[in-house]
Amino acid sequence: TRLTLTVPSSDSGVTNTAQFYSIFYFSEVSQAAYQNKSRSFDLLFDGVKLNDNPNFPLYLSCAPIRNRGRNLTAGTIISLVKTPDASLPPILNAIELFELKTGLADATNKND
């Protein structure tokens, strides 16, 4: 079982150069995961595994995963892939995408 998402294009309309910082949130919400069932999965960006070990969301506990130095671009394919030993499909509770902007103006007046 696989859950697949695609990073949207930038609000600015520049799709080739926009970069995004991401945070993924995982939490087990089903008690079935502890009743002879298991949930574990890998996180992939464009087919490249992000994690060394599978994700095992804990029951009612939040486990955020940051993109660990690899910024996403518009069109990046994010996949959550069930590991062979898991009996439940992948779960994603929330995702935050922040577009990285360059050339922002100074926050204060230089004459202050």
C-alpha atoms as a PDB file:
ATOM      1  CA  THR A   1       0.000   0.000   0.000  1.00  0.00           C
ATOM      2  CA  ARG A   2       1.256   3.458  -0.905  1.00  0.00           C
ATOM      3  CA  LEU A   3       0.143   7.018  -0.172  1.00  0.00           C
ATOM      4  CA  THR A   4       1.439   9.508  -2.758  1.00  0.00           C
ATOM      5  CA  LEU A   5       1.388  13.309  -2.770  1.00  0.00           C
ATOM      6  CA  THR A   6       2.861  15.856  -5.183  1.00  0.00           C
ATOM      7  CA  VAL A   7       4.326  19.162  -4.012  1.00  0.00           C
ATOM      8  CA  PRO A   8       2.241  21.994  -5.518  1.00  0.00           C
ATOM      9  CA  SER A   9       3.641  24.825  -7.578  1.00  0.00           C
ATOM     10  CA  SER A  10       4.646  28.075  -5.922  1.00  0.00           C
ATOM     11  CA  ASP A  11       2.135  30.828  -5.143  1.00  0.00           C
ATOM     12  CA  SER A  12       4.447  33.131  -7.049  1.00  0.00           C
ATOM     13  CA  GLY A  13       3.926  31.106 -10.211  1.00  0.00           C
ATOM     14  CA  VAL A  14       7.616  30.205 -10.545  1.00  0.00           C
ATOM     15  CA  THR A  15       7.461  26.425 -10.614  1.00  0.00           C
ATOM     16  CA  ASN A  16      10.984  25.443 -11.636  1.00  0.00           C
ATOM     17  CA  THR A  17      12.929  27.248  -8.926  1.00  0.00           C
ATOM     18  CA  ALA A  18      10.567  27.336  -5.937  1.00  0.00           C
ATOM     19  CA  GLN A  19      11.853  25.376  -2.951  1.00  0.00           C
ATOM     20  CA  PHE A  20       9.857  24.214   0.048  1.00  0.00           C
ATOM     21  CA  TYR A  21      10.823  23.257   3.596  1.00  0.00           C
ATOM     22  CA  SER A  22       8.594  20.497   4.941  1.00  0.00           C
ATOM     23  CA  ILE A  23       7.517  18.985   8.232  1.00  0.00           C
ATOM     24  CA  PHE A  24       5.501  15.747   8.331  1.00  0.00           C
ATOM     25  CA  TYR A  25       3.490  14.733  11.396  1.00  0.00           C
ATOM     26  CA  PHE A  26       2.717  11.121  12.239  1.00  0.00           C
ATOM     27  CA  SER A  27       0.614   9.763  15.077  1.00  0.00           C
ATOM     28  CA  GLU A  28      -1.130   6.447  15.474  1.00  0.00           C
ATOM     29  CA  VAL A  29      -4.837   7.048  16.110  1.00  0.00           C
ATOM     30  CA  SER A  30      -6.055   3.472  15.988  1.00  0.00           C
ATOM     31  CA  GLN A  31      -5.809   1.102  18.918  1.00  0.00           C
ATOM     32  CA  ALA A  32      -5.879  -1.684  16.324  1.00  0.00           C
ATOM     33  CA  ALA A  33      -2.187  -1.006  15.774  1.00  0.00           C
ATOM     34  CA  TYR A  34      -1.576  -2.597  19.167  1.00  0.00           C
ATOM     35  CA  GLN A  35      -4.018  -5.475  18.779  1.00  0.00           C
ATOM     36  CA  ASN A  36      -2.026  -7.948  16.655  1.00  0.00           C
ATOM     37  CA  LYS A  37      -1.674  -5.378  13.878  1.00  0.00           C
ATOM     38  CA  SER A  38       1.178  -3.101  13.001  1.00  0.00           C
ATOM     39  CA  ARG A  39       1.812   0.043  11.015  1.00  0.00           C
ATOM     40  CA  SER A  40       5.234   0.854   9.599  1.00  0.00           C
ATOM     41  CA  PHE A  41       6.254   2.607   6.422  1.00  0.00           C
ATOM     42  CA  ASP A  42       9.061   4.363   4.589  1.00  0.00           C
ATOM     43  CA  LEU A  43       9.056   8.019   3.535  1.00  0.00           C
ATOM     44  CA  LEU A  44      10.365   8.671   0.010  1.00  0.00           C
ATOM     45  CA  PHE A  45      11.027  11.856  -1.983  1.00  0.00           C
ATOM     46  CA  ASP A  46      11.055  11.130  -5.734  1.00  0.00           C
ATOM     47  CA  GLY A  47      11.659   7.459  -4.983  1.00  0.00           C
ATOM     48  CA  VAL A  48      14.619   8.056  -2.634  1.00  0.00           C
ATOM     49  CA  LYS A  49      14.103   6.787   0.909  1.00  0.00           C
ATOM     50  CA  LEU A  50      14.422   9.602   3.459  1.00  0.00           C
ATOM     51  CA  ASN A  51      14.618   7.461   6.576  1.00  0.00           C
ATOM     52  CA  ASP A  52      17.180   4.804   7.519  1.00  0.00           C
ATOM     53  CA  ASN A  53      14.590   2.829   9.473  1.00  0.00           C
ATOM     54  CA  PRO A  54      10.838   2.526   8.883  1.00  0.00           C
ATOM     55  CA  ASN A  55       8.491   4.943  10.648  1.00  0.00           C
ATOM     56  CA  PHE A  56       6.452   3.423  13.487  1.00  0.00           C
ATOM     57  CA  PRO A  57       3.937   6.059  14.637  1.00  0.00           C
ATOM     58  CA  LEU A  58       3.239   5.856  18.359  1.00  0.00           C
ATOM     59  CA  TYR A  59      -0.309   5.753  19.674  1.00  0.00           C
ATOM     60  CA  LEU A  60      -1.576   9.299  20.409  1.00  0.00           C
ATOM     61  CA  SER A  61       1.956  10.698  20.309  1.00  0.00           C
ATOM     62  CA  CYS A  62       3.181  13.115  17.644  1.00  0.00           C
ATOM     63  CA  ALA A  63       6.371  12.287  15.754  1.00  0.00           C
ATOM     64  CA  PRO A  64       7.413  15.116  13.395  1.00  0.00           C
ATOM     65  CA  ILE A  65       9.897  14.454  10.609  1.00  0.00           C
ATOM     66  CA  ARG A  66      11.646  17.367   8.971  1.00  0.00           C
ATOM     67  CA  ASN A  67      13.020  17.132   5.461  1.00  0.00           C
ATOM     68  CA  ARG A  68      16.580  16.847   6.841  1.00  0.00           C
ATOM     69  CA  GLY A  69      18.478  19.173   4.555  1.00  0.00           C
ATOM     70  CA  ARG A  70      16.714  18.346   1.320  1.00  0.00           C
ATOM     71  CA  ASN A  71      14.338  21.057   0.229  1.00  0.00           C
ATOM     72  CA  LEU A  72      11.436  20.016  -1.938  1.00  0.00           C
ATOM     73  CA  THR A  73      10.598  21.595  -5.265  1.00  0.00           C
ATOM     74  CA  ALA A  74       7.305  21.863  -7.116  1.00  0.00           C
ATOM     75  CA  GLY A  75       6.472  18.501  -8.614  1.00  0.00           C
ATOM     76  CA  THR A  76       8.424  16.456  -6.046  1.00  0.00           C
ATOM     77  CA  ILE A  77       6.605  13.185  -5.421  1.00  0.00           C
ATOM     78  CA  ILE A  78       6.263  12.273  -1.749  1.00  0.00           C
ATOM     79  CA  SER A  79       5.452   8.630  -1.054  1.00  0.00           C
ATOM     80  CA  LEU A  80       4.621   6.752   2.120  1.00  0.00           C
ATOM     81  CA  VAL A  81       5.161   3.060   1.391  1.00  0.00           C
ATOM     82  CA  LYS A  82       4.002   0.264   3.694  1.00  0.00           C
ATOM     83  CA  THR A  83       6.801  -2.067   4.769  1.00  0.00           C
ATOM     84  CA  PRO A  84       6.343  -5.789   3.992  1.00  0.00           C
ATOM     85  CA  ASP A  85       5.801  -6.722   7.653  1.00  0.00           C
ATOM     86  CA  ALA A  86       3.083  -4.091   8.294  1.00  0.00           C
ATOM     87  CA  SER A  87      -0.577  -5.040   8.355  1.00  0.00           C
ATOM     88  CA  LEU A  88      -1.960  -1.464   8.334  1.00  0.00           C
ATOM     89  CA  PRO A  89      -1.468   1.155   5.576  1.00  0.00           C
ATOM     90  CA  PRO A  90       0.691   4.291   6.005  1.00  0.00           C
ATOM     91  CA  ILE A  91      -0.758   7.236   7.889  1.00  0.00           C
ATOM     92  CA  LEU A  92      -0.029  10.961   7.594  1.00  0.00           C
ATOM     93  CA  ASN A  93      -1.748  13.239  10.097  1.00  0.00           C
ATOM     94  CA  ALA A  94      -0.472  16.587   8.822  1.00  0.00           C
ATOM     95  CA  ILE A  95       2.097  18.194   6.578  1.00  0.00           C
ATOM     96  CA  GLU A  96       3.429  21.731   6.558  1.00  0.00           C
ATOM     97  CA  LEU A  97       5.077  23.193   3.459  1.00  0.00           C
ATOM     98  CA  PHE A  98       6.892  26.511   3.686  1.00  0.00           C
ATOM     99  CA  GLU A  99       8.055  28.164   0.488  1.00  0.00           C
ATOM    100  CA  LEU A 100      11.614  29.435   0.806  1.00  0.00           C
ATOM    101  CA  LYS A 101      11.896  32.983  -0.466  1.00  0.00           C
ATOM    102  CA  THR A 102      15.034  34.795  -1.515  1.00  0.00           C
ATOM    103  CA  GLY A 103      15.726  38.484  -1.772  1.00  0.00           C
ATOM    104  CA  LEU A 104      13.462  39.537   1.068  1.00  0.00           C
ATOM    105  CA  ALA A 105      13.693  43.181   2.090  1.00  0.00           C
ATOM    106  CA  ASP A 106      15.325  44.147   5.354  1.00  0.00           C
ATOM    107  CA  ALA A 107      12.909  44.046   8.280  1.00  0.00           C
ATOM    108  CA  THR A 108      13.963  47.425   9.624  1.00  0.00           C
ATOM    109  CA  ASN A 109      14.749  50.791   8.156  1.00  0.00           C
ATOM    110  CA  LYS A 110      18.522  51.167   7.617  1.00  0.00           C
ATOM    111  CA  ASN A 111      18.316  54.741   8.986  1.00  0.00           C
ATOM    112  CA  ASP A 112      17.006  53.560  12.370  1.00  0.00           C
END
